Amino acid sequence: MLRTTLLDEIGYLPVARTGAVLFFQLISRRYEHASTVLTSNKSLEEWGDVLGDDVMAAALIDRVLHHCHLVNIRGNSYRMREHSELWQSLQPAAETPTPRREQRRGASSPRA
């Protein structure tokens, strides 16, 4: 019995030709037999570049998208948000500008 498999960060690192072929074979064997969860920060349009072969990427995407639930998450990384908050908390407080005295309208100026 095949179990659900999670493949994380597809396209994070370059994929050699052999790796792309093995990835395609894995997805093909699992197709309609078991659940596979894929994550990637690359759009499906970029998978041809990731795998180095547009035709293989199209065939792989065809299998992946058939019977799938596609979840597109947009936004900043949760980890980067933590770092951003830490960085901001370590920055010295910005000095608040001292308000300048406004000249009153119609005030008379000293005469010489």
PDB file of N, CA and C in Angstrom:
ATOM      1  N   MET A   1       0.840  -1.179   0.000  1.00  0.00           N
ATOM      2  CA  MET A   1       0.000   0.000   0.000  1.00  0.00           C
ATOM      3  C   MET A   1       0.886   1.244   0.000  1.00  0.00           C
ATOM      4  N   LEU A   2       0.633   2.168  -0.908  1.00  0.00           N
ATOM      5  CA  LEU A   2       1.397   3.405  -0.980  1.00  0.00           C
ATOM      6  C   LEU A   2       0.848   4.413   0.016  1.00  0.00           C
ATOM      7  N   ARG A   3       1.725   5.122   0.667  1.00  0.00           N
ATOM      8  CA  ARG A   3       1.332   6.149   1.627  1.00  0.00           C
ATOM      9  C   ARG A   3       1.468   7.522   0.989  1.00  0.00           C
ATOM     10  N   THR A   4       0.877   8.511   1.663  1.00  0.00           N
ATOM     11  CA  THR A   4       1.005   9.884   1.206  1.00  0.00           C
ATOM     12  C   THR A   4       2.462  10.318   1.335  1.00  0.00           C
ATOM     13  N   THR A   5       2.943  10.981   0.322  1.00  0.00           N
ATOM     14  CA  THR A   5       4.320  11.464   0.304  1.00  0.00           C
ATOM     15  C   THR A   5       4.310  12.978   0.180  1.00  0.00           C
ATOM     16  N   LEU A   6       5.196  13.609   0.907  1.00  0.00           N
ATOM     17  CA  LEU A   6       5.353  15.058   0.848  1.00  0.00           C
ATOM     18  C   LEU A   6       6.702  15.383   0.230  1.00  0.00           C
ATOM     19  N   LEU A   7       6.679  16.150  -0.844  1.00  0.00           N
ATOM     20  CA  LEU A   7       7.907  16.616  -1.494  1.00  0.00           C
ATOM     21  C   LEU A   7       7.940  18.132  -1.342  1.00  0.00           C
ATOM     22  N   ASP A   8       8.890  18.618  -0.572  1.00  0.00           N
ATOM     23  CA  ASP A   8       8.939  20.022  -0.189  1.00  0.00           C
ATOM     24  C   ASP A   8       9.981  20.779  -1.007  1.00  0.00           C
ATOM     25  N   GLU A   9       9.661  22.018  -1.350  1.00  0.00           N
ATOM     26  CA  GLU A   9      10.581  22.955  -2.006  1.00  0.00           C
ATOM     27  C   GLU A   9      11.047  22.485  -3.387  1.00  0.00           C
ATOM     28  N   ILE A  10      10.103  22.066  -4.216  1.00  0.00           N
ATOM     29  CA  ILE A  10      10.443  21.692  -5.593  1.00  0.00           C
ATOM     30  C   ILE A  10      11.011  22.929  -6.288  1.00  0.00           C
ATOM     31  N   GLY A  11      12.196  22.800  -6.862  1.00  0.00           N
ATOM     32  CA  GLY A  11      12.804  23.899  -7.588  1.00  0.00           C
ATOM     33  C   GLY A  11      13.670  24.806  -6.744  1.00  0.00           C
ATOM     34  N   TYR A  12      13.787  24.510  -5.449  1.00  0.00           N
ATOM     35  CA  TYR A  12      14.642  25.340  -4.591  1.00  0.00           C
ATOM     36  C   TYR A  12      16.100  25.235  -5.027  1.00  0.00           C
ATOM     37  N   LEU A  13      16.518  24.022  -5.355  1.00  0.00           N
ATOM     38  CA  LEU A  13      17.860  23.776  -5.883  1.00  0.00           C
ATOM     39  C   LEU A  13      17.737  23.322  -7.334  1.00  0.00           C
ATOM     40  N   PRO A  14      18.760  23.562  -8.134  1.00  0.00           N
ATOM     41  CA  PRO A  14      18.708  23.099  -9.528  1.00  0.00           C
ATOM     42  C   PRO A  14      18.573  21.575  -9.581  1.00  0.00           C
ATOM     43  N   VAL A  15      17.837  21.091 -10.583  1.00  0.00           N
ATOM     44  CA  VAL A  15      17.621  19.658 -10.748  1.00  0.00           C
ATOM     45  C   VAL A  15      18.400  19.194 -11.973  1.00  0.00           C
ATOM     46  N   ALA A  16      19.268  18.213 -11.770  1.00  0.00           N
ATOM     47  CA  ALA A  16      20.020  17.642 -12.891  1.00  0.00           C
ATOM     48  C   ALA A  16      19.074  16.802 -13.750  1.00  0.00           C
ATOM     49  N   ARG A  17      19.472  16.511 -14.950  1.00  0.00           N
ATOM     50  CA  ARG A  17      18.642  15.734 -15.889  1.00  0.00           C
ATOM     51  C   ARG A  17      18.215  14.408 -15.263  1.00  0.00           C
ATOM     52  N   THR A  18      19.134  13.704 -14.626  1.00  0.00           N
ATOM     53  CA  THR A  18      18.811  12.422 -14.000  1.00  0.00           C
ATOM     54  C   THR A  18      17.772  12.607 -12.896  1.00  0.00           C
ATOM     55  N   GLY A  19      17.930  13.652 -12.091  1.00  0.00           N
ATOM     56  CA  GLY A  19      16.967  13.940 -11.033  1.00  0.00           C
ATOM     57  C   GLY A  19      15.591  14.261 -11.590  1.00  0.00           C
ATOM     58  N   ALA A  20      15.543  14.996 -12.686  1.00  0.00           N
ATOM     59  CA  ALA A  20      14.269  15.336 -13.312  1.00  0.00           C
ATOM     60  C   ALA A  20      13.567  14.081 -13.828  1.00  0.00           C
ATOM     61  N   VAL A  21      14.333  13.186 -14.434  1.00  0.00           N
ATOM     62  CA  VAL A  21      13.751  11.936 -14.947  1.00  0.00           C
ATOM     63  C   VAL A  21      13.228  11.091 -13.791  1.00  0.00           C
ATOM     64  N   LEU A  22      14.001  10.988 -12.712  1.00  0.00           N
ATOM     65  CA  LEU A  22      13.558  10.218 -11.543  1.00  0.00           C
ATOM     66  C   LEU A  22      12.317  10.837 -10.903  1.00  0.00           C
ATOM     67  N   PHE A  23      12.269  12.159 -10.839  1.00  0.00           N
ATOM     68  CA  PHE A  23      11.101  12.854 -10.295  1.00  0.00           C
ATOM     69  C   PHE A  23       9.871  12.558 -11.142  1.00  0.00           C
ATOM     70  N   PHE A  24      10.022  12.625 -12.459  1.00  0.00           N
ATOM     71  CA  PHE A  24       8.910  12.313 -13.356  1.00  0.00           C
ATOM     72  C   PHE A  24       8.436  10.871 -13.151  1.00  0.00           C
ATOM     73  N   GLN A  25       9.373   9.931 -13.037  1.00  0.00           N
ATOM     74  CA  GLN A  25       9.014   8.526 -12.831  1.00  0.00           C
ATOM     75  C   GLN A  25       8.283   8.327 -11.500  1.00  0.00           C
ATOM     76  N   LEU A  26       8.724   9.011 -10.464  1.00  0.00           N
ATOM     77  CA  LEU A  26       8.066   8.921  -9.162  1.00  0.00           C
ATOM     78  C   LEU A  26       6.617   9.385  -9.260  1.00  0.00           C
ATOM     79  N   ILE A  27       6.422  10.561  -9.850  1.00  0.00           N
ATOM     80  CA  ILE A  27       5.061  11.104  -9.984  1.00  0.00           C
ATOM     81  C   ILE A  27       4.213  10.195 -10.867  1.00  0.00           C
ATOM     82  N   SER A  28       4.778   9.664 -11.948  1.00  0.00           N
ATOM     83  CA  SER A  28       4.037   8.779 -12.852  1.00  0.00           C
ATOM     84  C   SER A  28       3.593   7.502 -12.143  1.00  0.00           C
ATOM     85  N   ARG A  29       4.452   6.937 -11.331  1.00  0.00           N
ATOM     86  CA  ARG A  29       4.094   5.701 -10.610  1.00  0.00           C
ATOM     87  C   ARG A  29       3.049   5.948  -9.530  1.00  0.00           C
ATOM     88  N   ARG A  30       3.079   7.110  -8.924  1.00  0.00           N
ATOM     89  CA  ARG A  30       2.123   7.440  -7.870  1.00  0.00           C
ATOM     90  C   ARG A  30       0.789   7.925  -8.435  1.00  0.00           C
ATOM     91  N   TYR A  31       0.794   8.365  -9.684  1.00  0.00           N
ATOM     92  CA  TYR A  31      -0.389   8.939 -10.322  1.00  0.00           C
ATOM     93  C   TYR A  31      -1.575   7.984 -10.227  1.00  0.00           C
ATOM     94  N   GLU A  32      -2.652   8.447  -9.633  1.00  0.00           N
ATOM     95  CA  GLU A  32      -3.905   7.728  -9.416  1.00  0.00           C
ATOM     96  C   GLU A  32      -3.765   6.499  -8.516  1.00  0.00           C
ATOM     97  N   HIS A  33      -2.653   6.401  -7.788  1.00  0.00           N
ATOM     98  CA  HIS A  33      -2.466   5.299  -6.843  1.00  0.00           C
ATOM     99  C   HIS A  33      -2.266   5.785  -5.413  1.00  0.00           C
ATOM    100  N   ALA A  34      -1.727   6.973  -5.249  1.00  0.00           N
ATOM    101  CA  ALA A  34      -1.435   7.465  -3.900  1.00  0.00           C
ATOM    102  C   ALA A  34      -1.405   8.985  -3.907  1.00  0.00           C
ATOM    103  N   SER A  35      -1.585   9.542  -2.728  1.00  0.00           N
ATOM    104  CA  SER A  35      -1.562  10.999  -2.589  1.00  0.00           C
ATOM    105  C   SER A  35      -0.128  11.492  -2.511  1.00  0.00           C
ATOM    106  N   THR A  36       0.095  12.618  -3.165  1.00  0.00           N
ATOM    107  CA  THR A  36       1.398  13.261  -3.118  1.00  0.00           C
ATOM    108  C   THR A  36       1.175  14.741  -2.883  1.00  0.00           C
ATOM    109  N   VAL A  37       1.881  15.287  -1.925  1.00  0.00           N
ATOM    110  CA  VAL A  37       1.795  16.704  -1.616  1.00  0.00           C
ATOM    111  C   VAL A  37       3.101  17.344  -2.081  1.00  0.00           C
ATOM    112  N   LEU A  38       2.986  18.364  -2.899  1.00  0.00           N
ATOM    113  CA  LEU A  38       4.155  19.076  -3.412  1.00  0.00           C
ATOM    114  C   LEU A  38       4.103  20.515  -2.939  1.00  0.00           C
ATOM    115  N   THR A  39       5.265  21.055  -2.566  1.00  0.00           N
ATOM    116  CA  THR A  39       5.360  22.486  -2.275  1.00  0.00           C
ATOM    117  C   THR A  39       6.463  23.066  -3.136  1.00  0.00           C
ATOM    118  N   SER A  40       6.269  24.302  -3.540  1.00  0.00           N
ATOM    119  CA  SER A  40       7.266  24.970  -4.368  1.00  0.00           C
ATOM    120  C   SER A  40       7.047  26.469  -4.300  1.00  0.00           C
ATOM    121  N   ASN A  41       8.135  27.215  -4.386  1.00  0.00           N
ATOM    122  CA  ASN A  41       8.001  28.660  -4.511  1.00  0.00           C
ATOM    123  C   ASN A  41       8.096  29.066  -5.984  1.00  0.00           C
ATOM    124  N   LYS A  42       8.121  28.088  -6.863  1.00  0.00           N
ATOM    125  CA  LYS A  42       8.153  28.328  -8.307  1.00  0.00           C
ATOM    126  C   LYS A  42       6.765  28.125  -8.879  1.00  0.00           C
ATOM    127  N   SER A  43       6.393  28.980  -9.805  1.00  0.00           N
ATOM    128  CA  SER A  43       5.096  28.803 -10.470  1.00  0.00           C
ATOM    129  C   SER A  43       5.195  27.611 -11.418  1.00  0.00           C
ATOM    130  N   LEU A  44       4.047  27.080 -11.792  1.00  0.00           N
ATOM    131  CA  LEU A  44       4.045  25.938 -12.706  1.00  0.00           C
ATOM    132  C   LEU A  44       4.686  26.303 -14.043  1.00  0.00           C
ATOM    133  N   GLU A  45       4.582  27.562 -14.437  1.00  0.00           N
ATOM    134  CA  GLU A  45       5.205  28.012 -15.685  1.00  0.00           C
ATOM    135  C   GLU A  45       6.735  27.907 -15.622  1.00  0.00           C
ATOM    136  N   GLU A  46       7.299  27.926 -14.433  1.00  0.00           N
ATOM    137  CA  GLU A  46       8.755  27.871 -14.268  1.00  0.00           C
ATOM    138  C   GLU A  46       9.299  26.449 -14.160  1.00  0.00           C
ATOM    139  N   TRP A  47       8.423  25.450 -14.078  1.00  0.00           N
ATOM    140  CA  TRP A  47       8.890  24.083 -13.873  1.00  0.00           C
ATOM    141  C   TRP A  47       9.704  23.550 -15.053  1.00  0.00           C
ATOM    142  N   GLY A  48       9.450  24.045 -16.249  1.00  0.00           N
ATOM    143  CA  GLY A  48      10.267  23.643 -17.399  1.00  0.00           C
ATOM    144  C   GLY A  48      11.709  24.045 -17.198  1.00  0.00           C
ATOM    145  N   ASP A  49      11.925  25.242 -16.670  1.00  0.00           N
ATOM    146  CA  ASP A  49      13.283  25.701 -16.370  1.00  0.00           C
ATOM    147  C   ASP A  49      13.879  24.904 -15.211  1.00  0.00           C
ATOM    148  N   VAL A  50      13.059  24.624 -14.206  1.00  0.00           N
ATOM    149  CA  VAL A  50      13.534  23.874 -13.034  1.00  0.00           C
ATOM    150  C   VAL A  50      13.998  22.479 -13.437  1.00  0.00           C
ATOM    151  N   LEU A  51      13.203  21.823 -14.281  1.00  0.00           N
ATOM    152  CA  LEU A  51      13.519  20.445 -14.669  1.00  0.00           C
ATOM    153  C   LEU A  51      14.417  20.374 -15.894  1.00  0.00           C
ATOM    154  N   GLY A  52      14.597  21.490 -16.571  1.00  0.00           N
ATOM    155  CA  GLY A  52      15.461  21.499 -17.749  1.00  0.00           C
ATOM    156  C   GLY A  52      14.827  20.897 -18.988  1.00  0.00           C
ATOM    157  N   ASP A  53      13.504  20.702 -18.978  1.00  0.00           N
ATOM    158  CA  ASP A  53      12.827  20.081 -20.110  1.00  0.00           C
ATOM    159  C   ASP A  53      11.351  20.484 -20.072  1.00  0.00           C
ATOM    160  N   ASP A  54      10.944  21.316 -21.021  1.00  0.00           N
ATOM    161  CA  ASP A  54       9.560  21.808 -21.045  1.00  0.00           C
ATOM    162  C   ASP A  54       8.547  20.697 -21.296  1.00  0.00           C
ATOM    163  N   VAL A  55       8.900  19.734 -22.152  1.00  0.00           N
ATOM    164  CA  VAL A  55       7.966  18.660 -22.490  1.00  0.00           C
ATOM    165  C   VAL A  55       7.746  17.757 -21.275  1.00  0.00           C
ATOM    166  N   MET A  56       8.823  17.386 -20.596  1.00  0.00           N
ATOM    167  CA  MET A  56       8.699  16.554 -19.405  1.00  0.00           C
ATOM    168  C   MET A  56       7.941  17.297 -18.310  1.00  0.00           C
ATOM    169  N   ALA A  57       8.211  18.587 -18.154  1.00  0.00           N
ATOM    170  CA  ALA A  57       7.513  19.385 -17.146  1.00  0.00           C
ATOM    171  C   ALA A  57       6.019  19.435 -17.448  1.00  0.00           C
ATOM    172  N   ALA A  58       5.649  19.588 -18.710  1.00  0.00           N
ATOM    173  CA  ALA A  58       4.232  19.631 -19.088  1.00  0.00           C
ATOM    174  C   ALA A  58       3.550  18.297 -18.770  1.00  0.00           C
ATOM    175  N   ALA A  59       4.212  17.185 -19.060  1.00  0.00           N
ATOM    176  CA  ALA A  59       3.643  15.864 -18.777  1.00  0.00           C
ATOM    177  C   ALA A  59       3.527  15.645 -17.267  1.00  0.00           C
ATOM    178  N   LEU A  60       4.519  16.082 -16.524  1.00  0.00           N
ATOM    179  CA  LEU A  60       4.492  15.942 -15.069  1.00  0.00           C
ATOM    180  C   LEU A  60       3.379  16.799 -14.470  1.00  0.00           C
ATOM    181  N   ILE A  61       3.268  18.038 -14.917  1.00  0.00           N
ATOM    182  CA  ILE A  61       2.230  18.948 -14.420  1.00  0.00           C
ATOM    183  C   ILE A  61       0.843  18.410 -14.750  1.00  0.00           C
ATOM    184  N   ASP A  62       0.688  17.801 -15.927  1.00  0.00           N
ATOM    185  CA  ASP A  62      -0.581  17.203 -16.319  1.00  0.00           C
ATOM    186  C   ASP A  62      -1.003  16.139 -15.309  1.00  0.00           C
ATOM    187  N   ARG A  63      -0.079  15.302 -14.880  1.00  0.00           N
ATOM    188  CA  ARG A  63      -0.380  14.262 -13.895  1.00  0.00           C
ATOM    189  C   ARG A  63      -0.637  14.858 -12.512  1.00  0.00           C
ATOM    190  N   VAL A  64       0.154  15.864 -12.161  1.00  0.00           N
ATOM    191  CA  VAL A  64       0.012  16.475 -10.840  1.00  0.00           C
ATOM    192  C   VAL A  64      -1.339  17.190 -10.717  1.00  0.00           C
ATOM    193  N   LEU A  65      -1.745  17.908 -11.739  1.00  0.00           N
ATOM    194  CA  LEU A  65      -2.970  18.706 -11.660  1.00  0.00           C
ATOM    195  C   LEU A  65      -4.251  17.895 -11.817  1.00  0.00           C
ATOM    196  N   HIS A  66      -4.158  16.701 -12.406  1.00  0.00           N
ATOM    197  CA  HIS A  66      -5.348  15.866 -12.557  1.00  0.00           C
ATOM    198  C   HIS A  66      -5.743  15.321 -11.189  1.00  0.00           C
ATOM    199  N   HIS A  67      -6.947  15.561 -10.753  1.00  0.00           N
ATOM    200  CA  HIS A  67      -7.464  15.150  -9.431  1.00  0.00           C
ATOM    201  C   HIS A  67      -6.784  15.884  -8.282  1.00  0.00           C
ATOM    202  N   CYS A  68      -6.296  17.078  -8.491  1.00  0.00           N
ATOM    203  CA  CYS A  68      -5.548  17.739  -7.418  1.00  0.00           C
ATOM    204  C   CYS A  68      -6.370  18.809  -6.715  1.00  0.00           C
ATOM    205  N   HIS A  69      -5.866  19.213  -5.583  1.00  0.00           N
ATOM    206  CA  HIS A  69      -6.338  20.395  -4.873  1.00  0.00           C
ATOM    207  C   HIS A  69      -5.162  21.349  -4.870  1.00  0.00           C
ATOM    208  N   LEU A  70      -5.298  22.451  -5.582  1.00  0.00           N
ATOM    209  CA  LEU A  70      -4.218  23.421  -5.701  1.00  0.00           C
ATOM    210  C   LEU A  70      -4.440  24.539  -4.692  1.00  0.00           C
ATOM    211  N   VAL A  71      -3.439  24.764  -3.859  1.00  0.00           N
ATOM    212  CA  VAL A  71      -3.507  25.826  -2.860  1.00  0.00           C
ATOM    213  C   VAL A  71      -2.387  26.807  -3.166  1.00  0.00           C
ATOM    214  N   ASN A  72      -2.758  28.033  -3.471  1.00  0.00           N
ATOM    215  CA  ASN A  72      -1.776  29.062  -3.791  1.00  0.00           C
ATOM    216  C   ASN A  72      -1.712  30.019  -2.606  1.00  0.00           C
ATOM    217  N   ILE A  73      -0.573  30.053  -1.956  1.00  0.00           N
ATOM    218  CA  ILE A  73      -0.392  30.912  -0.790  1.00  0.00           C
ATOM    219  C   ILE A  73       0.520  32.057  -1.192  1.00  0.00           C
ATOM    220  N   ARG A  74       0.043  33.266  -0.968  1.00  0.00           N
ATOM    221  CA  ARG A  74       0.844  34.450  -1.276  1.00  0.00           C
ATOM    222  C   ARG A  74       1.138  35.187   0.014  1.00  0.00           C
ATOM    223  N   GLY A  75       2.263  35.824   0.061  1.00  0.00           N
ATOM    224  CA  GLY A  75       2.609  36.596   1.239  1.00  0.00           C
ATOM    225  C   GLY A  75       4.041  36.355   1.650  1.00  0.00           C
ATOM    226  N   ASN A  76       4.434  37.069   2.668  1.00  0.00           N
ATOM    227  CA  ASN A  76       5.804  36.950   3.154  1.00  0.00           C
ATOM    228  C   ASN A  76       5.982  35.672   3.953  1.00  0.00           C
ATOM    229  N   SER A  77       7.196  35.204   3.974  1.00  0.00           N
ATOM    230  CA  SER A  77       7.546  34.020   4.737  1.00  0.00           C
ATOM    231  C   SER A  77       7.319  34.269   6.222  1.00  0.00           C
ATOM    232  N   TYR A  78       6.772  33.291   6.906  1.00  0.00           N
ATOM    233  CA  TYR A  78       6.565  33.392   8.344  1.00  0.00           C
ATOM    234  C   TYR A  78       7.906  33.563   9.062  1.00  0.00           C
ATOM    235  N   ARG A  79       8.915  32.825   8.620  1.00  0.00           N
ATOM    236  CA  ARG A  79      10.242  32.929   9.251  1.00  0.00           C
ATOM    237  C   ARG A  79      10.846  34.305   9.024  1.00  0.00           C
ATOM    238  N   MET A  80      10.679  34.851   7.825  1.00  0.00           N
ATOM    239  CA  MET A  80      11.227  36.174   7.548  1.00  0.00           C
ATOM    240  C   MET A  80      10.507  37.239   8.365  1.00  0.00           C
ATOM    241  N   ARG A  81       9.218  37.045   8.625  1.00  0.00           N
ATOM    242  CA  ARG A  81       8.481  37.998   9.439  1.00  0.00           C
ATOM    243  C   ARG A  81       9.056  38.037  10.853  1.00  0.00           C
ATOM    244  N   GLU A  82       9.397  36.869  11.402  1.00  0.00           N
ATOM    245  CA  GLU A  82      10.005  36.823  12.733  1.00  0.00           C
ATOM    246  C   GLU A  82      11.331  37.583  12.744  1.00  0.00           C
ATOM    247  N   HIS A  83      12.138  37.382  11.717  1.00  0.00           N
ATOM    248  CA  HIS A  83      13.432  38.070  11.641  1.00  0.00           C
ATOM    249  C   HIS A  83      13.239  39.569  11.475  1.00  0.00           C
ATOM    250  N   SER A  84      12.257  39.954  10.695  1.00  0.00           N
ATOM    251  CA  SER A  84      11.986  41.372  10.479  1.00  0.00           C
ATOM    252  C   SER A  84      11.573  42.039  11.784  1.00  0.00           C
ATOM    253  N   GLU A  85      10.701  41.372  12.547  1.00  0.00           N
ATOM    254  CA  GLU A  85      10.274  41.931  13.833  1.00  0.00           C
ATOM    255  C   GLU A  85      11.452  42.046  14.791  1.00  0.00           C
ATOM    256  N   LEU A  86      12.330  41.048  14.814  1.00  0.00           N
ATOM    257  CA  LEU A  86      13.511  41.085  15.674  1.00  0.00           C
ATOM    258  C   LEU A  86      14.426  42.226  15.259  1.00  0.00           C
ATOM    259  N   TRP A  87      14.667  42.368  13.953  1.00  0.00           N
ATOM    260  CA  TRP A  87      15.538  43.422  13.454  1.00  0.00           C
ATOM    261  C   TRP A  87      14.991  44.789  13.854  1.00  0.00           C
ATOM    262  N   GLN A  88      13.693  44.978  13.688  1.00  0.00           N
ATOM    263  CA  GLN A  88      13.089  46.262  14.034  1.00  0.00           C
ATOM    264  C   GLN A  88      13.175  46.541  15.528  1.00  0.00           C
ATOM    265  N   SER A  89      13.059  45.510  16.352  1.00  0.00           N
ATOM    266  CA  SER A  89      13.123  45.726  17.795  1.00  0.00           C
ATOM    267  C   SER A  89      14.539  46.084  18.248  1.00  0.00           C
ATOM    268  N   LEU A  90      15.555  45.709  17.473  1.00  0.00           N
ATOM    269  CA  LEU A  90      16.938  46.005  17.829  1.00  0.00           C
ATOM    270  C   LEU A  90      17.405  47.366  17.337  1.00  0.00           C
ATOM    271  N   GLN A  91      16.634  47.987  16.466  1.00  0.00           N
ATOM    272  CA  GLN A  91      17.013  49.295  15.931  1.00  0.00           C
ATOM    273  C   GLN A  91      16.763  50.368  16.978  1.00  0.00           C
ATOM    274  N   PRO A  92      17.664  51.373  17.055  1.00  0.00           N
ATOM    275  CA  PRO A  92      17.429  52.464  18.011  1.00  0.00           C
ATOM    276  C   PRO A  92      16.151  53.201  17.634  1.00  0.00           C
ATOM    277  N   ALA A  93      15.471  53.660  18.651  1.00  0.00           N
ATOM    278  CA  ALA A  93      14.217  54.377  18.400  1.00  0.00           C
ATOM    279  C   ALA A  93      14.511  55.623  17.579  1.00  0.00           C
ATOM    280  N   ALA A  94      13.691  55.863  16.619  1.00  0.00           N
ATOM    281  CA  ALA A  94      13.883  57.038  15.766  1.00  0.00           C
ATOM    282  C   ALA A  94      13.597  58.285  16.595  1.00  0.00           C
ATOM    283  N   GLU A  95      14.450  59.274  16.417  1.00  0.00           N
ATOM    284  CA  GLU A  95      14.243  60.526  17.148  1.00  0.00           C
ATOM    285  C   GLU A  95      13.025  61.228  16.587  1.00  0.00           C
ATOM    286  N   THR A  96      12.205  61.737  17.481  1.00  0.00           N
ATOM    287  CA  THR A  96      11.048  62.495  17.025  1.00  0.00           C
ATOM    288  C   THR A  96      11.485  63.928  16.814  1.00  0.00           C
ATOM    289  N   PRO A  97      11.132  64.505  15.698  1.00  0.00           N
ATOM    290  CA  PRO A  97      11.565  65.871  15.421  1.00  0.00           C
ATOM    291  C   PRO A  97      10.940  66.852  16.406  1.00  0.00           C
ATOM    292  N   THR A  98      11.749  67.815  16.805  1.00  0.00           N
ATOM    293  CA  THR A  98      11.256  68.854  17.707  1.00  0.00           C
ATOM    294  C   THR A  98      10.420  69.824  16.889  1.00  0.00           C
ATOM    295  N   PRO A  99       9.190  70.101  17.342  1.00  0.00           N
ATOM    296  CA  PRO A  99       8.350  71.008  16.552  1.00  0.00           C
ATOM    297  C   PRO A  99       8.938  72.414  16.547  1.00  0.00           C
ATOM    298  N   ARG A 100       8.942  73.009  15.379  1.00  0.00           N
ATOM    299  CA  ARG A 100       9.430  74.382  15.272  1.00  0.00           C
ATOM    300  C   ARG A 100       8.327  75.331  15.694  1.00  0.00           C
ATOM    301  N   ARG A 101       8.760  76.443  16.279  1.00  0.00           N
ATOM    302  CA  ARG A 101       7.775  77.456  16.634  1.00  0.00           C
ATOM    303  C   ARG A 101       7.248  78.095  15.370  1.00  0.00           C
ATOM    304  N   GLU A 102       5.971  78.104  15.286  1.00  0.00           N
ATOM    305  CA  GLU A 102       5.369  78.732  14.115  1.00  0.00           C
ATOM    306  C   GLU A 102       5.249  80.232  14.373  1.00  0.00           C
ATOM    307  N   GLN A 103       5.510  81.002  13.359  1.00  0.00           N
ATOM    308  CA  GLN A 103       5.344  82.451  13.479  1.00  0.00           C
ATOM    309  C   GLN A 103       3.862  82.759  13.398  1.00  0.00           C
ATOM    310  N   ARG A 104       3.456  83.622  14.265  1.00  0.00           N
ATOM    311  CA  ARG A 104       2.053  84.018  14.257  1.00  0.00           C
ATOM    312  C   ARG A 104       1.805  84.959  13.089  1.00  0.00           C
ATOM    313  N   ARG A 105       0.722  84.748  12.454  1.00  0.00           N
ATOM    314  CA  ARG A 105       0.354  85.633  11.354  1.00  0.00           C
ATOM    315  C   ARG A 105      -0.074  86.975  11.909  1.00  0.00           C
ATOM    316  N   GLY A 106       0.334  87.977  11.230  1.00  0.00           N
ATOM    317  CA  GLY A 106      -0.067  89.321  11.606  1.00  0.00           C
ATOM    318  C   GLY A 106       0.704  89.881  12.778  1.00  0.00           C
ATOM    319  N   ALA A 107       1.673  89.121  13.290  1.00  0.00           N
ATOM    320  CA  ALA A 107       2.447  89.663  14.415  1.00  0.00           C
ATOM    321  C   ALA A 107       3.376  90.732  13.878  1.00  0.00           C
ATOM    322  N   SER A 108       3.515  91.764  14.641  1.00  0.00           N
ATOM    323  CA  SER A 108       4.367  92.867  14.174  1.00  0.00           C
ATOM    324  C   SER A 108       5.807  92.527  14.443  1.00  0.00           C
ATOM    325  N   SER A 109       6.651  92.937  13.554  1.00  0.00           N
ATOM    326  CA  SER A 109       8.074  92.712  13.739  1.00  0.00           C
ATOM    327  C   SER A 109       8.675  93.975  14.344  1.00  0.00           C
ATOM    328  N   PRO A 110       9.751  93.825  15.096  1.00  0.00           N
ATOM    329  CA  PRO A 110      10.362  95.018  15.705  1.00  0.00           C
ATOM    330  C   PRO A 110      10.871  95.953  14.640  1.00  0.00           C
ATOM    331  N   ARG A 111      10.674  97.230  14.869  1.00  0.00           N
ATOM    332  CA  ARG A 111      11.125  98.239  13.911  1.00  0.00           C
ATOM    333  C   ARG A 111      12.423  98.829  14.407  1.00  0.00           C
ATOM    334  N   ALA A 112      13.243  99.132  13.486  1.00  0.00           N
ATOM    335  CA  ALA A 112      14.511  99.746  13.856  1.00  0.00           C
ATOM    336  C   ALA A 112      14.430 101.230  13.887  1.00  0.00           C
TER     337      ALA A 112
END
